[in-house]
C-alpha atoms as a PDB file:
ATOM      1  CA  UNK A   1     168.569 142.656  76.156  1.00  0.00           C
ATOM      2  CA  UNK A   2     170.125 139.746  78.029  1.00  0.00           C
ATOM      3  CA  UNK A   3     168.827 137.008  75.635  1.00  0.00           C
ATOM      4  CA  UNK A   4     170.971 138.535  72.879  1.00  0.00           C
ATOM      5  CA  UNK A   5     174.037 138.333  75.116  1.00  0.00           C
ATOM      6  CA  UNK A   6     173.337 134.707  75.999  1.00  0.00           C
ATOM      7  CA  UNK A   7     173.042 134.013  72.285  1.00  0.00           C
ATOM      8  CA  UNK A   8     176.474 135.611  71.815  1.00  0.00           C
ATOM      9  CA  UNK A   9     178.336 134.390  74.899  1.00  0.00           C
ATOM     10  CA  UNK A  10     177.622 130.665  74.587  1.00  0.00           C
ATOM     11  CA  UNK A  11     179.364 130.202  71.203  1.00  0.00           C
ATOM     12  CA  UNK A  12     181.978 132.775  72.289  1.00  0.00           C
ATOM     13  CA  UNK A  13     182.985 130.627  75.262  1.00  0.00           C
ATOM     14  CA  UNK A  14     183.068 127.563  73.024  1.00  0.00           C
ATOM     15  CA  UNK A  15     185.265 129.478  70.559  1.00  0.00           C
ATOM     16  CA  UNK A  16     187.777 130.472  73.229  1.00  0.00           C
ATOM     17  CA  UNK A  17     188.097 126.975  74.735  1.00  0.00           C
ATOM     18  CA  UNK A  18     187.846 125.214  71.368  1.00  0.00           C
ATOM     19  CA  UNK A  19     190.699 122.801  70.840  1.00  0.00           C
ATOM     20  CA  UNK A  20     193.447 124.431  68.883  1.00  0.00           C
ATOM     21  CA  UNK A  21     193.791 123.085  65.381  1.00  0.00           C
ATOM     22  CA  UNK A  22     197.425 122.439  64.521  1.00  0.00           C
ATOM     23  CA  UNK A  23     198.282 123.519  61.006  1.00  0.00           C
ATOM     24  CA  UNK A  24     201.005 120.897  60.797  1.00  0.00           C
ATOM     25  CA  UNK A  25     199.496 117.971  62.666  1.00  0.00           C
ATOM     26  CA  UNK A  26     198.300 115.037  60.582  1.00  0.00           C
ATOM     27  CA  UNK A  27     196.480 113.556  63.565  1.00  0.00           C
ATOM     28  CA  UNK A  28     193.930 116.355  63.610  1.00  0.00           C
ATOM     29  CA  UNK A  29     191.509 117.011  60.805  1.00  0.00           C
ATOM     30  CA  UNK A  30     190.164 120.446  59.987  1.00  0.00           C
ATOM     31  CA  UNK A  31     186.538 120.848  60.949  1.00  0.00           C
ATOM     32  CA  UNK A  32     185.365 121.069  57.343  1.00  0.00           C
ATOM     33  CA  UNK A  33     186.525 117.457  56.788  1.00  0.00           C
ATOM     34  CA  UNK A  34     184.275 116.190  59.605  1.00  0.00           C
ATOM     35  CA  UNK A  35     180.710 115.709  58.418  1.00  0.00           C
ATOM     36  CA  UNK A  36     179.353 114.525  61.790  1.00  0.00           C
ATOM     37  CA  UNK A  37     176.824 116.719  63.550  1.00  0.00           C
ATOM     38  CA  UNK A  38     177.858 116.571  67.189  1.00  0.00           C
ATOM     39  CA  UNK A  39     175.275 116.934  69.983  1.00  0.00           C
ATOM     40  CA  UNK A  40     176.702 120.390  70.737  1.00  0.00           C
ATOM     41  CA  UNK A  41     176.065 121.569  67.186  1.00  0.00           C
ATOM     42  CA  UNK A  42     172.610 120.015  67.077  1.00  0.00           C
ATOM     43  CA  UNK A  43     171.792 121.834  70.315  1.00  0.00           C
ATOM     44  CA  UNK A  44     173.267 125.119  69.082  1.00  0.00           C
ATOM     45  CA  UNK A  45     171.399 124.950  65.767  1.00  0.00           C
ATOM     46  CA  UNK A  46     168.109 124.029  67.416  1.00  0.00           C
ATOM     47  CA  UNK A  47     168.457 126.738  70.053  1.00  0.00           C
ATOM     48  CA  UNK A  48     169.248 129.329  67.403  1.00  0.00           C
ATOM     49  CA  UNK A  49     166.186 128.302  65.405  1.00  0.00           C
ATOM     50  CA  UNK A  50     163.979 128.586  68.502  1.00  0.00           C
ATOM     51  CA  UNK A  51     165.280 132.004  69.551  1.00  0.00           C
ATOM     52  CA  UNK A  52     164.984 133.453  66.055  1.00  0.00           C
ATOM     53  CA  UNK A  53     161.736 131.682  65.197  1.00  0.00           C
ATOM     54  CA  UNK A  54     159.794 132.300  68.393  1.00  0.00           C
ATOM     55  CA  UNK A  55     160.538 136.018  68.573  1.00  0.00           C
ATOM     56  CA  UNK A  56     157.434 138.083  69.168  1.00  0.00           C
ATOM     57  CA  UNK A  57     157.048 141.647  67.862  1.00  0.00           C
ATOM     58  CA  UNK A  58     160.804 141.805  67.358  1.00  0.00           C
ATOM     59  CA  UNK A  59     162.370 143.424  64.289  1.00  0.00           C
ATOM     60  CA  UNK A  60     161.669 146.495  62.231  1.00  0.00           C
ATOM     61  CA  UNK A  61     159.505 144.664  59.660  1.00  0.00           C
ATOM     62  CA  UNK A  62     157.499 142.544  62.108  1.00  0.00           C
ATOM     63  CA  UNK A  63     154.055 143.843  61.165  1.00  0.00           C
ATOM     64  CA  UNK A  64     154.870 144.068  57.452  1.00  0.00           C
ATOM     65  CA  UNK A  65     155.085 140.288  57.189  1.00  0.00           C
ATOM     66  CA  UNK A  66     151.448 139.861  58.211  1.00  0.00           C
ATOM     67  CA  UNK A  67     150.520 141.037  54.709  1.00  0.00           C
ATOM     68  CA  UNK A  68     151.957 137.853  53.206  1.00  0.00           C
ATOM     69  CA  UNK A  69     149.683 135.602  55.272  1.00  0.00           C
ATOM     70  CA  UNK A  70     146.655 137.712  54.404  1.00  0.00           C
ATOM     71  CA  UNK A  71     147.553 137.495  50.712  1.00  0.00           C
ATOM     72  CA  UNK A  72     147.708 133.691  50.523  1.00  0.00           C
ATOM     73  CA  UNK A  73     145.268 132.532  53.195  1.00  0.00           C
ATOM     74  CA  UNK A  74     142.335 131.955  50.786  1.00  0.00           C
ATOM     75  CA  UNK A  75     144.267 131.073  47.639  1.00  0.00           C
ATOM     76  CA  UNK A  76     144.831 127.589  46.146  1.00  0.00           C
ATOM     77  CA  UNK A  77     148.363 126.226  46.264  1.00  0.00           C
ATOM     78  CA  UNK A  78     149.072 126.599  42.534  1.00  0.00           C
ATOM     79  CA  UNK A  79     148.125 130.266  42.631  1.00  0.00           C
ATOM     80  CA  UNK A  80     150.371 130.776  45.664  1.00  0.00           C
ATOM     81  CA  UNK A  81     153.346 129.261  43.827  1.00  0.00           C
ATOM     82  CA  UNK A  82     152.756 131.675  40.954  1.00  0.00           C
ATOM     83  CA  UNK A  83     153.226 134.692  43.236  1.00  0.00           C
ATOM     84  CA  UNK A  84     156.439 136.636  43.715  1.00  0.00           C
ATOM     85  CA  UNK A  85     158.888 134.929  46.115  1.00  0.00           C
ATOM     86  CA  UNK A  86     157.015 131.576  45.930  1.00  0.00           C
ATOM     87  CA  UNK A  87     159.197 129.858  48.542  1.00  0.00           C
ATOM     88  CA  UNK A  88     158.273 132.361  51.225  1.00  0.00           C
ATOM     89  CA  UNK A  89     154.670 132.425  50.045  1.00  0.00           C
ATOM     90  CA  UNK A  90     154.560 128.638  50.460  1.00  0.00           C
ATOM     91  CA  UNK A  91     155.649 128.921  54.104  1.00  0.00           C
ATOM     92  CA  UNK A  92     152.863 131.444  54.668  1.00  0.00           C
ATOM     93  CA  UNK A  93     150.308 129.195  52.941  1.00  0.00           C
ATOM     94  CA  UNK A  94     151.316 126.182  55.063  1.00  0.00           C
ATOM     95  CA  UNK A  95     151.231 128.228  58.268  1.00  0.00           C
ATOM     96  CA  UNK A  96     147.858 129.682  57.323  1.00  0.00           C
ATOM     97  CA  UNK A  97     146.330 126.259  56.672  1.00  0.00           C
ATOM     98  CA  UNK A  98     147.673 124.942  59.990  1.00  0.00           C
ATOM     99  CA  UNK A  99     146.512 128.101  61.797  1.00  0.00           C
ATOM    100  CA  UNK A 100     150.058 128.805  63.026  1.00  0.00           C
ATOM    101  CA  UNK A 101     150.075 132.449  62.005  1.00  0.00           C
ATOM    102  CA  UNK A 102     153.219 134.525  61.593  1.00  0.00           C
ATOM    103  CA  UNK A 103     154.984 132.582  64.343  1.00  0.00           C
ATOM    104  CA  UNK A 104     154.687 129.397  62.309  1.00  0.00           C
ATOM    105  CA  UNK A 105     156.198 131.141  59.293  1.00  0.00           C
ATOM    106  CA  UNK A 106     159.060 132.448  61.421  1.00  0.00           C
ATOM    107  CA  UNK A 107     159.782 129.070  63.017  1.00  0.00           C
ATOM    108  CA  UNK A 108     159.931 127.278  59.665  1.00  0.00           C
ATOM    109  CA  UNK A 109     162.043 130.043  58.182  1.00  0.00           C
ATOM    110  CA  UNK A 110     164.369 130.204  61.183  1.00  0.00           C
ATOM    111  CA  UNK A 111     165.026 126.474  60.962  1.00  0.00           C
ATOM    112  CA  UNK A 112     166.217 126.939  57.376  1.00  0.00           C
ATOM    113  CA  UNK A 113     168.263 129.951  58.450  1.00  0.00           C
ATOM    114  CA  UNK A 114     169.886 128.160  61.403  1.00  0.00           C
ATOM    115  CA  UNK A 115     170.757 125.042  59.404  1.00  0.00           C
ATOM    116  CA  UNK A 116     172.258 127.060  56.537  1.00  0.00           C
ATOM    117  CA  UNK A 117     174.325 129.136  58.950  1.00  0.00           C
ATOM    118  CA  UNK A 118     175.497 126.046  60.846  1.00  0.00           C
ATOM    119  CA  UNK A 119     176.513 124.299  57.618  1.00  0.00           C
ATOM    120  CA  UNK A 120     178.564 127.324  56.651  1.00  0.00           C
ATOM    121  CA  UNK A 121     180.186 127.787  60.067  1.00  0.00           C
ATOM    122  CA  UNK A 122     181.073 124.094  60.278  1.00  0.00           C
ATOM    123  CA  UNK A 123     182.868 124.329  56.938  1.00  0.00           C
ATOM    124  CA  UNK A 124     185.413 126.725  58.482  1.00  0.00           C
ATOM    125  CA  UNK A 125     188.499 126.009  60.573  1.00  0.00           C
ATOM    126  CA  UNK A 126     187.041 127.544  63.738  1.00  0.00           C
ATOM    127  CA  UNK A 127     183.285 126.932  63.504  1.00  0.00           C
ATOM    128  CA  UNK A 128     182.397 128.200  66.990  1.00  0.00           C
ATOM    129  CA  UNK A 129     184.262 131.424  66.362  1.00  0.00           C
ATOM    130  CA  UNK A 130     182.430 131.820  63.043  1.00  0.00           C
ATOM    131  CA  UNK A 131     179.097 131.322  64.811  1.00  0.00           C
ATOM    132  CA  UNK A 132     180.070 133.940  67.405  1.00  0.00           C
ATOM    133  CA  UNK A 133     180.931 136.411  64.650  1.00  0.00           C
ATOM    134  CA  UNK A 134     177.543 135.830  63.019  1.00  0.00           C
ATOM    135  CA  UNK A 135     175.451 136.749  66.073  1.00  0.00           C
ATOM    136  CA  UNK A 136     175.642 140.581  66.304  1.00  0.00           C
ATOM    137  CA  UNK A 137     174.487 141.340  62.798  1.00  0.00           C
ATOM    138  CA  UNK A 138     173.779 138.285  60.670  1.00  0.00           C
ATOM    139  CA  UNK A 139     171.626 136.561  63.313  1.00  0.00           C
ATOM    140  CA  UNK A 140     170.119 139.423  65.321  1.00  0.00           C
ATOM    141  CA  UNK A 141     169.589 141.975  62.571  1.00  0.00           C
ATOM    142  CA  UNK A 142     169.224 139.909  59.389  1.00  0.00           C
ATOM    143  CA  UNK A 143     167.780 136.682  60.807  1.00  0.00           C
ATOM    144  CA  UNK A 144     165.301 138.474  63.069  1.00  0.00           C
ATOM    145  CA  UNK A 145     164.656 141.550  60.962  1.00  0.00           C
ATOM    146  CA  UNK A 146     164.887 140.602  57.277  1.00  0.00           C
ATOM    147  CA  UNK A 147     163.121 137.229  57.322  1.00  0.00           C
ATOM    148  CA  UNK A 148     162.976 136.581  53.585  1.00  0.00           C
ATOM    149  CA  UNK A 149     166.495 137.745  52.835  1.00  0.00           C
ATOM    150  CA  UNK A 150     167.822 135.880  55.870  1.00  0.00           C
ATOM    151  CA  UNK A 151     166.445 132.609  54.495  1.00  0.00           C
ATOM    152  CA  UNK A 152     167.805 133.416  51.034  1.00  0.00           C
ATOM    153  CA  UNK A 153     171.224 134.114  52.549  1.00  0.00           C
ATOM    154  CA  UNK A 154     171.105 130.780  54.420  1.00  0.00           C
ATOM    155  CA  UNK A 155     170.576 128.945  51.120  1.00  0.00           C
ATOM    156  CA  UNK A 156     173.389 131.052  49.673  1.00  0.00           C
ATOM    157  CA  UNK A 157     175.793 130.075  52.465  1.00  0.00           C
ATOM    158  CA  UNK A 158     174.973 126.392  52.041  1.00  0.00           C
ATOM    159  CA  UNK A 159     175.490 126.860  48.316  1.00  0.00           C
ATOM    160  CA  UNK A 160     178.906 128.440  48.855  1.00  0.00           C
ATOM    161  CA  UNK A 161     179.941 125.420  50.918  1.00  0.00           C
ATOM    162  CA  UNK A 162     178.800 123.135  48.081  1.00  0.00           C
ATOM    163  CA  UNK A 163     180.741 125.241  45.587  1.00  0.00           C
ATOM    164  CA  UNK A 164     183.933 124.956  47.617  1.00  0.00           C
ATOM    165  CA  UNK A 165     183.361 121.205  47.763  1.00  0.00           C
ATOM    166  CA  UNK A 166     183.373 121.153  43.949  1.00  0.00           C
ATOM    167  CA  UNK A 167     179.612 120.715  43.514  1.00  0.00           C
ATOM    168  CA  UNK A 168     178.556 123.375  41.047  1.00  0.00           C
ATOM    169  CA  UNK A 169     175.178 121.765  40.413  1.00  0.00           C
ATOM    170  CA  UNK A 170     174.260 121.775  44.088  1.00  0.00           C
ATOM    171  CA  UNK A 171     175.399 125.391  44.344  1.00  0.00           C
ATOM    172  CA  UNK A 172     173.065 126.398  41.516  1.00  0.00           C
ATOM    173  CA  UNK A 173     170.098 124.493  42.962  1.00  0.00           C
ATOM    174  CA  UNK A 174     170.559 126.001  46.433  1.00  0.00           C
ATOM    175  CA  UNK A 175     170.885 129.528  45.048  1.00  0.00           C
ATOM    176  CA  UNK A 176     167.716 129.151  42.997  1.00  0.00           C
ATOM    177  CA  UNK A 177     165.891 127.856  46.074  1.00  0.00           C
ATOM    178  CA  UNK A 178     167.154 130.882  47.972  1.00  0.00           C
ATOM    179  CA  UNK A 179     165.908 133.170  45.207  1.00  0.00           C
ATOM    180  CA  UNK A 180     162.370 131.831  45.708  1.00  0.00           C
ATOM    181  CA  UNK A 181     162.463 133.517  49.129  1.00  0.00           C
ATOM    182  CA  UNK A 182     164.180 136.743  48.076  1.00  0.00           C
ATOM    183  CA  UNK A 183     164.858 137.177  44.384  1.00  0.00           C
ATOM    184  CA  UNK A 184     168.096 139.133  44.936  1.00  0.00           C
ATOM    185  CA  UNK A 185     169.825 135.838  45.799  1.00  0.00           C
ATOM    186  CA  UNK A 186     170.354 135.358  42.047  1.00  0.00           C
ATOM    187  CA  UNK A 187     173.169 137.918  42.391  1.00  0.00           C
ATOM    188  CA  UNK A 188     175.370 135.153  43.813  1.00  0.00           C
ATOM    189  CA  UNK A 189     174.860 132.782  40.859  1.00  0.00           C
ATOM    190  CA  UNK A 190     177.601 134.257  38.621  1.00  0.00           C
ATOM    191  CA  UNK A 191     180.155 133.351  41.312  1.00  0.00           C
ATOM    192  CA  UNK A 192     179.974 129.792  40.010  1.00  0.00           C
ATOM    193  CA  UNK A 193     181.720 130.927  36.826  1.00  0.00           C
ATOM    194  CA  UNK A 194     184.656 132.292  38.834  1.00  0.00           C
ATOM    195  CA  UNK A 195     185.637 128.916  40.282  1.00  0.00           C
ATOM    196  CA  UNK A 196     187.537 126.043  38.711  1.00  0.00           C
ATOM    197  CA  UNK A 197     184.826 123.443  39.229  1.00  0.00           C
ATOM    198  CA  UNK A 198     184.509 121.294  36.124  1.00  0.00           C
ATOM    199  CA  UNK A 199     185.493 122.410  32.646  1.00  0.00           C
ATOM    200  CA  UNK A 200     185.145 126.019  31.561  1.00  0.00           C
ATOM    201  CA  UNK A 201     182.480 125.163  28.959  1.00  0.00           C
ATOM    202  CA  UNK A 202     180.426 123.234  31.522  1.00  0.00           C
ATOM    203  CA  UNK A 203     180.730 126.087  34.024  1.00  0.00           C
ATOM    204  CA  UNK A 204     179.737 128.706  31.501  1.00  0.00           C
ATOM    205  CA  UNK A 205     176.729 126.788  30.172  1.00  0.00           C
ATOM    206  CA  UNK A 206     175.405 125.797  33.608  1.00  0.00           C
ATOM    207  CA  UNK A 207     175.905 129.151  35.322  1.00  0.00           C
ATOM    208  CA  UNK A 208     174.752 131.295  32.409  1.00  0.00           C
ATOM    209  CA  UNK A 209     171.636 129.203  31.727  1.00  0.00           C
ATOM    210  CA  UNK A 210     170.772 129.101  35.449  1.00  0.00           C
ATOM    211  CA  UNK A 211     171.329 132.844  35.821  1.00  0.00           C
ATOM    212  CA  UNK A 212     169.231 133.729  32.781  1.00  0.00           C
ATOM    213  CA  UNK A 213     166.513 131.277  33.760  1.00  0.00           C
ATOM    214  CA  UNK A 214     166.381 132.531  37.357  1.00  0.00           C
ATOM    215  CA  UNK A 215     166.286 136.127  36.149  1.00  0.00           C
ATOM    216  CA  UNK A 216     163.442 135.491  33.710  1.00  0.00           C
ATOM    217  CA  UNK A 217     161.358 133.430  36.119  1.00  0.00           C
ATOM    218  CA  UNK A 218     162.003 135.259  39.376  1.00  0.00           C
ATOM    219  CA  UNK A 219     163.397 138.720  38.793  1.00  0.00           C
ATOM    220  CA  UNK A 220     162.462 140.127  35.374  1.00  0.00           C
ATOM    221  CA  UNK A 221     158.919 141.196  36.282  1.00  0.00           C
ATOM    222  CA  UNK A 222     160.125 142.906  39.462  1.00  0.00           C
ATOM    223  CA  UNK A 223     163.130 144.755  38.043  1.00  0.00           C
ATOM    224  CA  UNK A 224     161.279 147.999  37.419  1.00  0.00           C
ATOM    225  CA  UNK A 225     159.544 147.808  40.804  1.00  0.00           C
ATOM    226  CA  UNK A 226     162.849 147.176  42.611  1.00  0.00           C
ATOM    227  CA  UNK A 227     164.561 149.977  40.707  1.00  0.00           C
ATOM    228  CA  UNK A 228     161.772 152.413  41.453  1.00  0.00           C
ATOM    229  CA  UNK A 229     161.476 151.297  45.048  1.00  0.00           C
ATOM    230  CA  UNK A 230     165.160 151.492  45.904  1.00  0.00           C
ATOM    231  CA  UNK A 231     167.017 153.680  43.411  1.00  0.00           C
ATOM    232  CA  UNK A 232     164.491 156.204  42.112  1.00  0.00           C
ATOM    233  CA  UNK A 233     162.922 156.630  45.558  1.00  0.00           C
ATOM    234  CA  UNK A 234     166.461 157.189  46.877  1.00  0.00           C
ATOM    235  CA  UNK A 235     165.810 155.271  50.090  1.00  0.00           C
ATOM    236  CA  UNK A 236     168.507 155.740  52.682  1.00  0.00           C
ATOM    237  CA  UNK A 237     169.641 153.148  55.229  1.00  0.00           C
ATOM    238  CA  UNK A 238     170.990 154.603  58.423  1.00  0.00           C
ATOM    239  CA  UNK A 239     174.233 152.866  59.300  1.00  0.00           C
ATOM    240  CA  UNK A 240     174.844 151.620  55.751  1.00  0.00           C
ATOM    241  CA  UNK A 241     178.346 153.113  55.737  1.00  0.00           C
ATOM    242  CA  UNK A 242     179.238 151.390  59.008  1.00  0.00           C
ATOM    243  CA  UNK A 243     177.978 148.025  57.768  1.00  0.00           C
ATOM    244  CA  UNK A 244     179.877 148.373  54.488  1.00  0.00           C
ATOM    245  CA  UNK A 245     183.022 149.266  56.409  1.00  0.00           C
ATOM    246  CA  UNK A 246     182.574 146.112  58.491  1.00  0.00           C
ATOM    247  CA  UNK A 247     182.811 144.123  55.250  1.00  0.00           C
ATOM    248  CA  UNK A 248     185.630 146.307  53.947  1.00  0.00           C
ATOM    249  CA  UNK A 249     187.912 145.600  56.935  1.00  0.00           C
ATOM    250  CA  UNK A 250     188.115 141.818  56.365  1.00  0.00           C
ATOM    251  CA  UNK A 251     188.281 142.464  52.617  1.00  0.00           C
ATOM    252  CA  UNK A 252     191.406 144.603  53.033  1.00  0.00           C
ATOM    253  CA  UNK A 253     192.927 142.090  55.456  1.00  0.00           C
ATOM    254  CA  UNK A 254     192.433 139.206  53.029  1.00  0.00           C
ATOM    255  CA  UNK A 255     193.700 141.080  49.973  1.00  0.00           C
ATOM    256  CA  UNK A 256     196.730 142.412  51.855  1.00  0.00           C
ATOM    257  CA  UNK A 257     197.688 139.164  53.608  1.00  0.00           C
ATOM    258  CA  UNK A 258     196.320 136.677  51.090  1.00  0.00           C
ATOM    259  CA  UNK A 259     199.286 134.291  51.276  1.00  0.00           C
ATOM    260  CA  UNK A 260     199.159 134.164  55.059  1.00  0.00           C
ATOM    261  CA  UNK A 261     195.432 133.373  54.997  1.00  0.00           C
ATOM    262  CA  UNK A 262     195.901 130.709  52.347  1.00  0.00           C
ATOM    263  CA  UNK A 263     198.677 129.066  54.340  1.00  0.00           C
ATOM    264  CA  UNK A 264     196.329 128.980  57.329  1.00  0.00           C
ATOM    265  CA  UNK A 265     193.904 127.003  55.180  1.00  0.00           C
ATOM    266  CA  UNK A 266     190.205 127.352  54.444  1.00  0.00           C
ATOM    267  CA  UNK A 267     190.402 130.553  52.391  1.00  0.00           C
ATOM    268  CA  UNK A 268     190.028 130.016  48.655  1.00  0.00           C
ATOM    269  CA  UNK A 269     190.248 132.483  45.795  1.00  0.00           C
ATOM    270  CA  UNK A 270     186.455 132.779  45.897  1.00  0.00           C
ATOM    271  CA  UNK A 271     186.768 134.978  48.976  1.00  0.00           C
ATOM    272  CA  UNK A 272     189.152 137.304  47.206  1.00  0.00           C
ATOM    273  CA  UNK A 273     186.327 138.019  44.772  1.00  0.00           C
ATOM    274  CA  UNK A 274     184.054 138.652  47.746  1.00  0.00           C
ATOM    275  CA  UNK A 275     186.657 141.066  49.089  1.00  0.00           C
ATOM    276  CA  UNK A 276     186.866 143.095  45.880  1.00  0.00           C
ATOM    277  CA  UNK A 277     183.061 143.155  45.647  1.00  0.00           C
ATOM    278  CA  UNK A 278     182.892 144.528  49.199  1.00  0.00           C
ATOM    279  CA  UNK A 279     185.267 147.352  48.325  1.00  0.00           C
ATOM    280  CA  UNK A 280     183.387 148.117  45.099  1.00  0.00           C
ATOM    281  CA  UNK A 281     180.110 148.408  47.036  1.00  0.00           C
ATOM    282  CA  UNK A 282     181.761 150.725  49.536  1.00  0.00           C
ATOM    283  CA  UNK A 283     182.827 152.997  46.691  1.00  0.00           C
ATOM    284  CA  UNK A 284     179.421 152.710  45.011  1.00  0.00           C
ATOM    285  CA  UNK A 285     177.778 154.087  48.139  1.00  0.00           C
ATOM    286  CA  UNK A 286     178.938 157.552  47.069  1.00  0.00           C
ATOM    287  CA  UNK A 287     177.560 157.274  43.519  1.00  0.00           C
ATOM    288  CA  UNK A 288     174.304 155.284  43.799  1.00  0.00           C
ATOM    289  CA  UNK A 289     171.419 157.495  44.955  1.00  0.00           C
ATOM    290  CA  UNK A 290     169.976 154.842  47.283  1.00  0.00           C
ATOM    291  CA  UNK A 291     172.125 153.555  50.123  1.00  0.00           C
ATOM    292  CA  UNK A 292     169.386 150.996  50.884  1.00  0.00           C
ATOM    293  CA  UNK A 293     169.960 149.272  47.544  1.00  0.00           C
ATOM    294  CA  UNK A 294     173.698 148.985  48.244  1.00  0.00           C
ATOM    295  CA  UNK A 295     173.031 147.898  51.820  1.00  0.00           C
ATOM    296  CA  UNK A 296     170.723 145.049  50.781  1.00  0.00           C
ATOM    297  CA  UNK A 297     173.153 143.739  48.147  1.00  0.00           C
ATOM    298  CA  UNK A 298     175.971 143.862  50.722  1.00  0.00           C
ATOM    299  CA  UNK A 299     174.055 141.433  52.934  1.00  0.00           C
ATOM    300  CA  UNK A 300     175.131 138.615  50.613  1.00  0.00           C
ATOM    301  CA  UNK A 301     178.774 139.497  51.313  1.00  0.00           C
ATOM    302  CA  UNK A 302     178.408 139.076  55.084  1.00  0.00           C
ATOM    303  CA  UNK A 303     179.868 135.531  55.005  1.00  0.00           C
ATOM    304  CA  UNK A 304     183.223 137.184  54.217  1.00  0.00           C
ATOM    305  CA  UNK A 305     183.413 138.385  57.822  1.00  0.00           C
ATOM    306  CA  UNK A 306     182.925 134.841  59.123  1.00  0.00           C
ATOM    307  CA  UNK A 307     185.592 133.430  56.818  1.00  0.00           C
ATOM    308  CA  UNK A 308     188.275 136.060  57.386  1.00  0.00           C
ATOM    309  CA  UNK A 309     187.910 136.653  61.108  1.00  0.00           C
ATOM    310  CA  UNK A 310     187.518 132.953  61.969  1.00  0.00           C
ATOM    311  CA  UNK A 311     190.734 132.238  60.023  1.00  0.00           C
ATOM    312  CA  UNK A 312     192.621 135.287  61.312  1.00  0.00           C
ATOM    313  CA  UNK A 313     193.864 133.661  64.578  1.00  0.00           C
ATOM    314  CA  UNK A 314     195.480 130.782  62.685  1.00  0.00           C
ATOM    315  CA  UNK A 315     196.861 133.106  60.025  1.00  0.00           C
ATOM    316  CA  UNK A 316     198.591 135.108  62.757  1.00  0.00           C
ATOM    317  CA  UNK A 317     199.575 131.979  64.680  1.00  0.00           C
ATOM    318  CA  UNK A 318     202.235 131.211  62.072  1.00  0.00           C
ATOM    319  CA  UNK A 319     204.235 134.062  63.523  1.00  0.00           C
ATOM    320  CA  UNK A 320     202.867 134.403  67.032  1.00  0.00           C
ATOM    321  CA  UNK A 321     202.350 130.647  67.639  1.00  0.00           C
ATOM    322  CA  UNK A 322     199.359 130.628  69.977  1.00  0.00           C
ATOM    323  CA  UNK A 323     196.074 131.650  68.310  1.00  0.00           C
ATOM    324  CA  UNK A 324     194.073 131.922  71.546  1.00  0.00           C
ATOM    325  CA  UNK A 325     194.815 135.616  72.256  1.00  0.00           C
ATOM    326  CA  UNK A 326     193.683 136.421  68.719  1.00  0.00           C
ATOM    327  CA  UNK A 327     190.533 134.333  69.131  1.00  0.00           C
ATOM    328  CA  UNK A 328     189.784 136.338  72.261  1.00  0.00           C
ATOM    329  CA  UNK A 329     190.478 139.587  70.419  1.00  0.00           C
ATOM    330  CA  UNK A 330     188.010 138.678  67.654  1.00  0.00           C
ATOM    331  CA  UNK A 331     185.389 137.752  70.249  1.00  0.00           C
ATOM    332  CA  UNK A 332     185.904 141.081  72.038  1.00  0.00           C
ATOM    333  CA  UNK A 333     185.646 142.989  68.763  1.00  0.00           C
ATOM    334  CA  UNK A 334     182.277 141.457  67.935  1.00  0.00           C
ATOM    335  CA  UNK A 335     181.109 141.891  71.530  1.00  0.00           C
ATOM    336  CA  UNK A 336     181.796 145.593  71.030  1.00  0.00           C
ATOM    337  CA  UNK A 337     179.879 145.522  67.743  1.00  0.00           C
ATOM    338  CA  UNK A 338     176.876 143.972  69.474  1.00  0.00           C
ATOM    339  CA  UNK A 339     177.067 146.405  72.398  1.00  0.00           C
ATOM    340  CA  UNK A 340     177.175 149.433  70.112  1.00  0.00           C
ATOM    341  CA  UNK A 341     174.329 148.178  67.936  1.00  0.00           C
ATOM    342  CA  UNK A 342     172.011 147.293  70.820  1.00  0.00           C
ATOM    343  CA  UNK A 343     172.641 150.563  72.626  1.00  0.00           C
ATOM    344  CA  UNK A 344     173.157 153.147  69.892  1.00  0.00           C
ATOM    345  CA  UNK A 345     171.735 151.897  66.571  1.00  0.00           C
ATOM    346  CA  UNK A 346     168.916 154.039  65.189  1.00  0.00           C
ATOM    347  CA  UNK A 347     166.442 151.168  64.956  1.00  0.00           C
ATOM    348  CA  UNK A 348     167.563 148.840  67.748  1.00  0.00           C
ATOM    349  CA  UNK A 349     164.458 149.818  69.731  1.00  0.00           C
ATOM    350  CA  UNK A 350     162.484 147.495  67.443  1.00  0.00           C
ATOM    351  CA  UNK A 351     164.515 144.593  68.827  1.00  0.00           C
ATOM    352  CA  UNK A 352     164.200 145.593  72.489  1.00  0.00           C
ATOM    353  CA  UNK A 353     163.143 143.992  74.656  1.00  0.00           C
ATOM    354  CA  UNK A 354     163.427 140.522  73.174  1.00  0.00           C
ATOM    355  CA  UNK A 355     160.085 138.772  73.621  1.00  0.00           C
ATOM    356  CA  UNK A 356     159.676 134.983  73.395  1.00  0.00           C
ATOM    357  CA  UNK A 357     156.327 133.859  71.997  1.00  0.00           C
ATOM    358  CA  UNK A 358     155.681 130.857  74.329  1.00  0.00           C
ATOM    359  CA  UNK A 359     156.271 133.077  77.372  1.00  0.00           C
ATOM    360  CA  UNK A 360     154.034 135.770  75.917  1.00  0.00           C
ATOM    361  CA  UNK A 361     151.204 133.241  75.754  1.00  0.00           C
ATOM    362  CA  UNK A 362     151.581 132.522  79.482  1.00  0.00           C
ATOM    363  CA  UNK A 363     151.171 136.148  80.523  1.00  0.00           C
END
């Protein structure tokens, strides 16, 4: 269990000692204006990729992913790209040809995941705090347990950063790339129409054509299968209510104290839409027969937690001046989340103990 706590505590310490950003100082730039990758962030991103990628028999779906390698190992490349989720199939094909096995797939996928997460965290006012917040669920559960959707979410997070930097085209491209790993990533595409990037006609034409095209190419053939597999089968996810509530808390905070968050900087109207979507999904949990379907869609709203809780200390600092106690409070809250999940979650046994592939080969 201790590797998970090291993964959490290192960015947590950095978050607590991180230099305070003054909301009124012109001599300091917010972190999202600094495009340099510091050695600390290169080390953090690389370490995250190694820990997630070199896991061995960790995660509830570990053995399921072997089926993908078996499916593509003897197929030509063009046939592989014609399969469902071609991006993930390509990783499996490459790993198969290089005889890297499932570990090779995981390492390549985890590098994409770590870079996408780092790009997103570094776009926020307190990037180390955002990275700390991501560890208990987004990294440990999604990154290590839902490989395909974790990669898709990483592309989605990088796309959201591009969208907030007024690059609608890059947002669309990144979301489509994400959808080649898990087709549900197309659900984020309509968000482009809710921004003020470019003219309304340009936004409508680009987003609608991309959404329709992505649906036809990536999702249409699987719609009935997904509906039958999730909704008609009425699959239930244990803990879905808790995870939806974890999104609902920051959603309520942002909607209630929107002006305070906006004055703290880094929180655009896009995240208000995320907040309302989180509350809608919470309500839908009581009407949709499959909590698993709701739970999987809610994964794409996880970045809301990083945005709201990493901005919360500065939003409160307007009144209480020093943000450090609030940074510490956020860290303690997510430490509690990680403790509860590792010790009491129904499926945490699949993550325990953490096993590192290179060490497994030495024993």
